[in-house]
C-alpha atoms as a PDB file:
ATOM      1  CA  ASP A   1     139.342 182.730 132.315  1.00  0.00           C
ATOM      2  CA  SER A   2     136.497 183.509 130.140  1.00  0.00           C
ATOM      3  CA  GLY A   3     137.186 182.743 126.536  1.00  0.00           C
ATOM      4  CA  ASP A   4     139.854 180.210 127.277  1.00  0.00           C
ATOM      5  CA  LEU A   5     137.308 177.275 126.886  1.00  0.00           C
ATOM      6  CA  VAL A   6     134.798 177.622 124.015  1.00  0.00           C
ATOM      7  CA  ILE A   7     132.012 175.458 122.692  1.00  0.00           C
ATOM      8  CA  ASN A   8     133.174 174.434 119.387  1.00  0.00           C
ATOM      9  CA  GLU A   9     130.680 171.981 118.048  1.00  0.00           C
ATOM     10  CA  ILE A  10     126.997 171.095 118.926  1.00  0.00           C
ATOM     11  CA  LEU A  11     125.216 167.995 117.846  1.00  0.00           C
ATOM     12  CA  SER A  12     121.569 168.349 119.154  1.00  0.00           C
ATOM     13  CA  GLU A  13     119.740 165.975 116.769  1.00  0.00           C
ATOM     14  CA  PRO A  14     121.557 162.672 116.618  1.00  0.00           C
ATOM     15  CA  PHE A  15     120.894 159.858 114.135  1.00  0.00           C
ATOM     16  CA  SER A  16     118.527 157.269 115.560  1.00  0.00           C
ATOM     17  CA  GLY A  17     120.563 155.434 118.053  1.00  0.00           C
ATOM     18  CA  GLY A  18     122.940 158.177 118.382  1.00  0.00           C
ATOM     19  CA  GLN A  19     123.644 160.532 120.991  1.00  0.00           C
ATOM     20  CA  ASP A  20     123.762 164.519 121.343  1.00  0.00           C
ATOM     21  CA  PHE A  21     127.280 165.787 122.212  1.00  0.00           C
ATOM     22  CA  ILE A  22     129.134 169.141 122.477  1.00  0.00           C
ATOM     23  CA  GLU A  23     132.621 169.626 121.784  1.00  0.00           C
ATOM     24  CA  ILE A  24     134.868 172.068 123.742  1.00  0.00           C
ATOM     25  CA  TYR A  25     138.154 173.684 122.613  1.00  0.00           C
ATOM     26  CA  ASN A  26     141.071 174.945 124.973  1.00  0.00           C
ATOM     27  CA  ARG A  27     142.117 178.220 123.137  1.00  0.00           C
ATOM     28  CA  SER A  28     144.606 179.013 125.816  1.00  0.00           C
ATOM     29  CA  SER A  29     148.256 177.938 126.438  1.00  0.00           C
ATOM     30  CA  LYS A  30     147.123 176.607 129.867  1.00  0.00           C
ATOM     31  CA  PHE A  31     146.195 173.105 131.106  1.00  0.00           C
ATOM     32  CA  ILE A  32     142.872 173.363 132.198  1.00  0.00           C
ATOM     33  CA  ASP A  33     141.333 170.871 134.741  1.00  0.00           C
ATOM     34  CA  LEU A  34     137.658 170.273 133.898  1.00  0.00           C
ATOM     35  CA  LYS A  35     136.775 169.413 137.387  1.00  0.00           C
ATOM     36  CA  ASN A  36     136.147 173.072 137.933  1.00  0.00           C
ATOM     37  CA  VAL A  37     134.059 173.531 134.883  1.00  0.00           C
ATOM     38  CA  TYR A  38     130.259 173.023 134.513  1.00  0.00           C
ATOM     39  CA  MET A  39     128.024 172.642 131.622  1.00  0.00           C
ATOM     40  CA  SER A  40     124.868 174.661 131.893  1.00  0.00           C
ATOM     41  CA  LYS A  41     121.501 174.466 130.168  1.00  0.00           C
ATOM     42  CA  SER A  42     119.723 177.510 130.450  1.00  0.00           C
ATOM     43  CA  THR A  43     116.712 179.384 129.438  1.00  0.00           C
ATOM     44  CA  LEU A  44     116.729 183.021 128.337  1.00  0.00           C
ATOM     45  CA  GLY A  45     120.372 183.096 129.694  1.00  0.00           C
ATOM     46  CA  VAL A  46     119.352 181.827 133.275  1.00  0.00           C
ATOM     47  CA  ILE A  47     120.905 178.673 134.352  1.00  0.00           C
ATOM     48  CA  GLN A  48     118.401 175.707 134.773  1.00  0.00           C
ATOM     49  CA  ASP A  49     121.054 172.829 135.076  1.00  0.00           C
ATOM     50  CA  LEU A  50     124.714 173.160 136.368  1.00  0.00           C
ATOM     51  CA  ILE A  51     126.479 169.835 135.497  1.00  0.00           C
ATOM     52  CA  GLN A  52     130.029 169.243 136.615  1.00  0.00           C
ATOM     53  CA  ILE A  53     131.975 167.885 133.611  1.00  0.00           C
ATOM     54  CA  SER A  54     134.477 165.670 135.316  1.00  0.00           C
ATOM     55  CA  PRO A  55     133.825 165.321 139.080  1.00  0.00           C
ATOM     56  CA  SER A  56     137.114 163.185 139.415  1.00  0.00           C
ATOM     57  CA  GLY A  57     139.093 165.759 137.093  1.00  0.00           C
ATOM     58  CA  TRP A  58     140.350 165.764 133.589  1.00  0.00           C
ATOM     59  CA  ILE A  59     143.042 167.826 132.298  1.00  0.00           C
ATOM     60  CA  LEU A  60     142.546 169.522 128.853  1.00  0.00           C
ATOM     61  CA  GLY A  61     145.680 170.529 127.211  1.00  0.00           C
ATOM     62  CA  PRO A  62     146.307 173.772 125.424  1.00  0.00           C
ATOM     63  CA  ARG A  63     144.623 174.061 121.996  1.00  0.00           C
ATOM     64  CA  LYS A  64     142.999 170.503 122.487  1.00  0.00           C
ATOM     65  CA  TYR A  65     139.470 169.460 121.520  1.00  0.00           C
ATOM     66  CA  LEU A  66     137.247 167.437 123.684  1.00  0.00           C
ATOM     67  CA  CYS A  67     133.851 165.862 122.838  1.00  0.00           C
ATOM     68  CA  LEU A  68     131.409 165.405 125.809  1.00  0.00           C
ATOM     69  CA  SER A  69     128.605 163.047 125.599  1.00  0.00           C
ATOM     70  CA  SER A  70     126.656 160.701 127.857  1.00  0.00           C
ATOM     71  CA  ASN A  71     127.486 157.726 125.640  1.00  0.00           C
ATOM     72  CA  ALA A  72     130.854 157.536 123.891  1.00  0.00           C
ATOM     73  CA  SER A  73     130.148 154.471 121.871  1.00  0.00           C
ATOM     74  CA  SER A  74     127.035 155.924 120.534  1.00  0.00           C
ATOM     75  CA  VAL A  75     129.058 158.790 119.066  1.00  0.00           C
ATOM     76  CA  THR A  76     131.700 156.688 117.688  1.00  0.00           C
ATOM     77  CA  GLN A  77     129.267 154.293 116.148  1.00  0.00           C
ATOM     78  CA  PHE A  78     128.599 157.152 113.674  1.00  0.00           C
ATOM     79  CA  TYR A  79     131.524 159.358 113.450  1.00  0.00           C
ATOM     80  CA  ALA A  80     135.246 158.762 113.125  1.00  0.00           C
ATOM     81  CA  LEU A  81     137.279 159.770 116.083  1.00  0.00           C
ATOM     82  CA  LYS A  82     140.815 160.420 115.453  1.00  0.00           C
ATOM     83  CA  ASP A  83     141.753 159.780 119.111  1.00  0.00           C
ATOM     84  CA  SER A  84     139.781 157.937 121.612  1.00  0.00           C
ATOM     85  CA  ALA A  85     141.301 160.183 124.307  1.00  0.00           C
ATOM     86  CA  GLN A  86     139.443 163.132 122.844  1.00  0.00           C
ATOM     87  CA  ILE A  87     135.996 161.965 124.148  1.00  0.00           C
ATOM     88  CA  LEU A  88     134.685 162.256 127.619  1.00  0.00           C
ATOM     89  CA  GLU A  89     131.677 160.282 128.841  1.00  0.00           C
ATOM     90  CA  MET A  90     129.607 162.292 131.263  1.00  0.00           C
ATOM     91  CA  SER A  91     127.296 160.436 133.713  1.00  0.00           C
ATOM     92  CA  ASP A  92     125.013 163.350 133.631  1.00  0.00           C
ATOM     93  CA  PHE A  93     124.589 165.085 130.378  1.00  0.00           C
ATOM     94  CA  PRO A  94     121.789 167.548 129.440  1.00  0.00           C
ATOM     95  CA  SER A  95     119.369 166.621 126.775  1.00  0.00           C
ATOM     96  CA  LEU A  96     119.892 169.312 123.928  1.00  0.00           C
ATOM     97  CA  SER A  97     116.855 170.937 122.253  1.00  0.00           C
ATOM     98  CA  THR A  98     116.587 169.716 118.595  1.00  0.00           C
ATOM     99  CA  SER A  99     115.426 173.146 117.408  1.00  0.00           C
ATOM    100  CA  ASP A 100     116.600 176.119 119.520  1.00  0.00           C
ATOM    101  CA  GLY A 101     118.723 175.695 122.848  1.00  0.00           C
ATOM    102  CA  GLU A 102     121.077 177.473 125.141  1.00  0.00           C
ATOM    103  CA  ILE A 103     124.345 175.760 126.396  1.00  0.00           C
ATOM    104  CA  GLY A 104     127.132 177.112 128.472  1.00  0.00           C
ATOM    105  CA  LEU A 105     130.363 176.524 130.126  1.00  0.00           C
ATOM    106  CA  ASN A 106     130.621 177.774 133.783  1.00  0.00           C
ATOM    107  CA  ASP A 107     132.492 177.786 136.802  1.00  0.00           C
ATOM    108  CA  PHE A 108     130.555 176.662 140.018  1.00  0.00           C
ATOM    109  CA  SER A 109     129.546 180.272 140.856  1.00  0.00           C
ATOM    110  CA  GLY A 110     127.837 180.537 137.491  1.00  0.00           C
ATOM    111  CA  ARG A 111     130.595 182.710 135.841  1.00  0.00           C
ATOM    112  CA  TRP A 112     130.441 182.025 132.011  1.00  0.00           C
ATOM    113  CA  PHE A 113     133.308 180.780 130.113  1.00  0.00           C
ATOM    114  CA  ASP A 114     131.239 180.640 127.001  1.00  0.00           C
ATOM    115  CA  PHE A 115     127.580 180.462 126.044  1.00  0.00           C
ATOM    116  CA  VAL A 116     125.834 179.744 122.944  1.00  0.00           C
ATOM    117  CA  LYS A 117     122.121 180.139 122.076  1.00  0.00           C
ATOM    118  CA  TYR A 118     121.824 177.965 118.984  1.00  0.00           C
ATOM    119  CA  SER A 119     119.198 177.347 116.461  1.00  0.00           C
ATOM    120  CA  ASP A 120     118.423 174.649 113.794  1.00  0.00           C
ATOM    121  CA  ASP A 121     118.033 177.700 111.502  1.00  0.00           C
ATOM    122  CA  TRP A 122     121.846 178.028 111.601  1.00  0.00           C
ATOM    123  CA  HIS A 123     122.161 174.824 109.235  1.00  0.00           C
ATOM    124  CA  ASN A 124     122.918 175.410 105.677  1.00  0.00           C
ATOM    125  CA  PRO A 125     119.443 176.035 104.043  1.00  0.00           C
ATOM    126  CA  LEU A 126     120.560 173.565 101.174  1.00  0.00           C
ATOM    127  CA  ILE A 127     120.618 170.685 103.434  1.00  0.00           C
ATOM    128  CA  SER A 128     117.171 169.002 103.428  1.00  0.00           C
ATOM    129  CA  GLU A 129     117.888 166.649 106.363  1.00  0.00           C
ATOM    130  CA  THR A 130     119.895 167.897 109.486  1.00  0.00           C
ATOM    131  CA  LYS A 131     119.460 164.808 111.627  1.00  0.00           C
ATOM    132  CA  GLY A 132     123.125 163.700 112.321  1.00  0.00           C
ATOM    133  CA  ILE A 133     124.755 166.948 111.295  1.00  0.00           C
ATOM    134  CA  SER A 134     126.374 169.025 113.861  1.00  0.00           C
ATOM    135  CA  LEU A 135     126.783 172.751 114.044  1.00  0.00           C
ATOM    136  CA  GLU A 136     130.616 173.668 113.941  1.00  0.00           C
ATOM    137  CA  ARG A 137     132.142 177.008 115.134  1.00  0.00           C
ATOM    138  CA  VAL A 138     134.062 178.655 112.065  1.00  0.00           C
ATOM    139  CA  TYR A 139     136.189 181.102 114.083  1.00  0.00           C
ATOM    140  CA  PHE A 140     137.550 180.795 117.697  1.00  0.00           C
ATOM    141  CA  ASP A 141     137.817 184.463 118.127  1.00  0.00           C
ATOM    142  CA  ARG A 142     134.488 185.521 117.101  1.00  0.00           C
ATOM    143  CA  PRO A 143     131.574 185.504 119.419  1.00  0.00           C
ATOM    144  CA  SER A 144     129.520 182.240 120.125  1.00  0.00           C
ATOM    145  CA  TYR A 145     126.399 184.085 119.941  1.00  0.00           C
ATOM    146  CA  ASP A 146     127.005 185.180 116.312  1.00  0.00           C
ATOM    147  CA  PRO A 147     124.795 182.937 113.905  1.00  0.00           C
ATOM    148  CA  THR A 148     127.423 183.690 111.105  1.00  0.00           C
ATOM    149  CA  ASN A 149     129.997 181.958 113.108  1.00  0.00           C
ATOM    150  CA  TRP A 150     128.445 178.604 112.821  1.00  0.00           C
ATOM    151  CA  GLN A 151     127.978 176.184 109.922  1.00  0.00           C
ATOM    152  CA  SER A 152     126.684 172.686 109.255  1.00  0.00           C
ATOM    153  CA  ALA A 153     129.525 170.254 109.368  1.00  0.00           C
ATOM    154  CA  SER A 154     130.448 169.146 105.744  1.00  0.00           C
ATOM    155  CA  ALA A 155     129.277 165.803 104.343  1.00  0.00           C
ATOM    156  CA  ILE A 156     132.740 164.979 103.564  1.00  0.00           C
ATOM    157  CA  SER A 157     133.644 164.777 107.376  1.00  0.00           C
ATOM    158  CA  GLY A 158     130.621 162.480 107.793  1.00  0.00           C
ATOM    159  CA  GLY A 159     128.346 165.230 109.377  1.00  0.00           C
ATOM    160  CA  ALA A 160     130.489 165.974 112.415  1.00  0.00           C
ATOM    161  CA  THR A 161     134.026 166.077 113.746  1.00  0.00           C
ATOM    162  CA  PRO A 162     134.046 165.147 117.418  1.00  0.00           C
ATOM    163  CA  GLY A 163     137.148 165.498 119.111  1.00  0.00           C
ATOM    164  CA  TYR A 164     139.203 167.293 116.207  1.00  0.00           C
ATOM    165  CA  ILE A 165     139.363 170.439 114.193  1.00  0.00           C
ATOM    166  CA  ASN A 166     135.929 171.180 112.557  1.00  0.00           C
ATOM    167  CA  SER A 167     135.385 170.793 108.817  1.00  0.00           C
ATOM    168  CA  GLN A 168     134.171 174.422 108.445  1.00  0.00           C
ATOM    169  CA  PHE A 169     136.984 175.910 110.770  1.00  0.00           C
ATOM    170  CA  ASN A 170     138.798 178.974 109.393  1.00  0.00           C
ATOM    171  CA  GLY A 171     141.889 179.933 110.982  1.00  0.00           C
ATOM    172  CA  ALA A 172     142.458 183.076 108.737  1.00  0.00           C
ATOM    173  CA  ASN A 173     143.522 186.084 110.858  1.00  0.00           C
ATOM    174  CA  SER A 174     142.723 184.264 114.163  1.00  0.00           C
ATOM    175  CA  GLY A 175     146.226 183.782 115.269  1.00  0.00           C
ATOM    176  CA  ALA A 176     145.063 180.133 116.150  1.00  0.00           C
ATOM    177  CA  ILE A 177     147.692 177.537 116.234  1.00  0.00           C
ATOM    178  CA  VAL A 178     145.791 174.353 114.975  1.00  0.00           C
ATOM    179  CA  THR A 179     146.686 171.172 116.561  1.00  0.00           C
ATOM    180  CA  GLY A 180     144.729 167.964 117.519  1.00  0.00           C
ATOM    181  CA  LYS A 181     143.936 166.889 114.041  1.00  0.00           C
END
């Protein structure tokens, strides 16, 4: 269902030798087979690329996080992963725009589960260098398109939190059960 899966973190400008990634989160109490979920890169909301996340299937449990990238080792080289099972290497992963971009989660027919039109302007203006710093979703139940729902990952977290709870997450009044730490 729309809203069950959300884009939770975006790293579009990795360190040199690093790799772009997005993190998804299963907000629901359902087990979701990612064989039926596609990542889309779009322009002005029109899907340009529709990439199957896991052609052989991958079950994402309720209230679990999963980092998606084309190269898992280039993500783990720079960021601590609490659980190596929370990263999925995709053979076909879109190159993310470093400044402004659109990324979505869809079914095969193009129905949106979630969609983010992100901007490097969403980073904290006090950060002079955003390379290697991800954008993290603050609230699960606020819209993905709301720029105030995204913050730069904290330096304490190392600049990103692939596969686990965001450093900037705020569960207040969201009814969220936070697991996967």
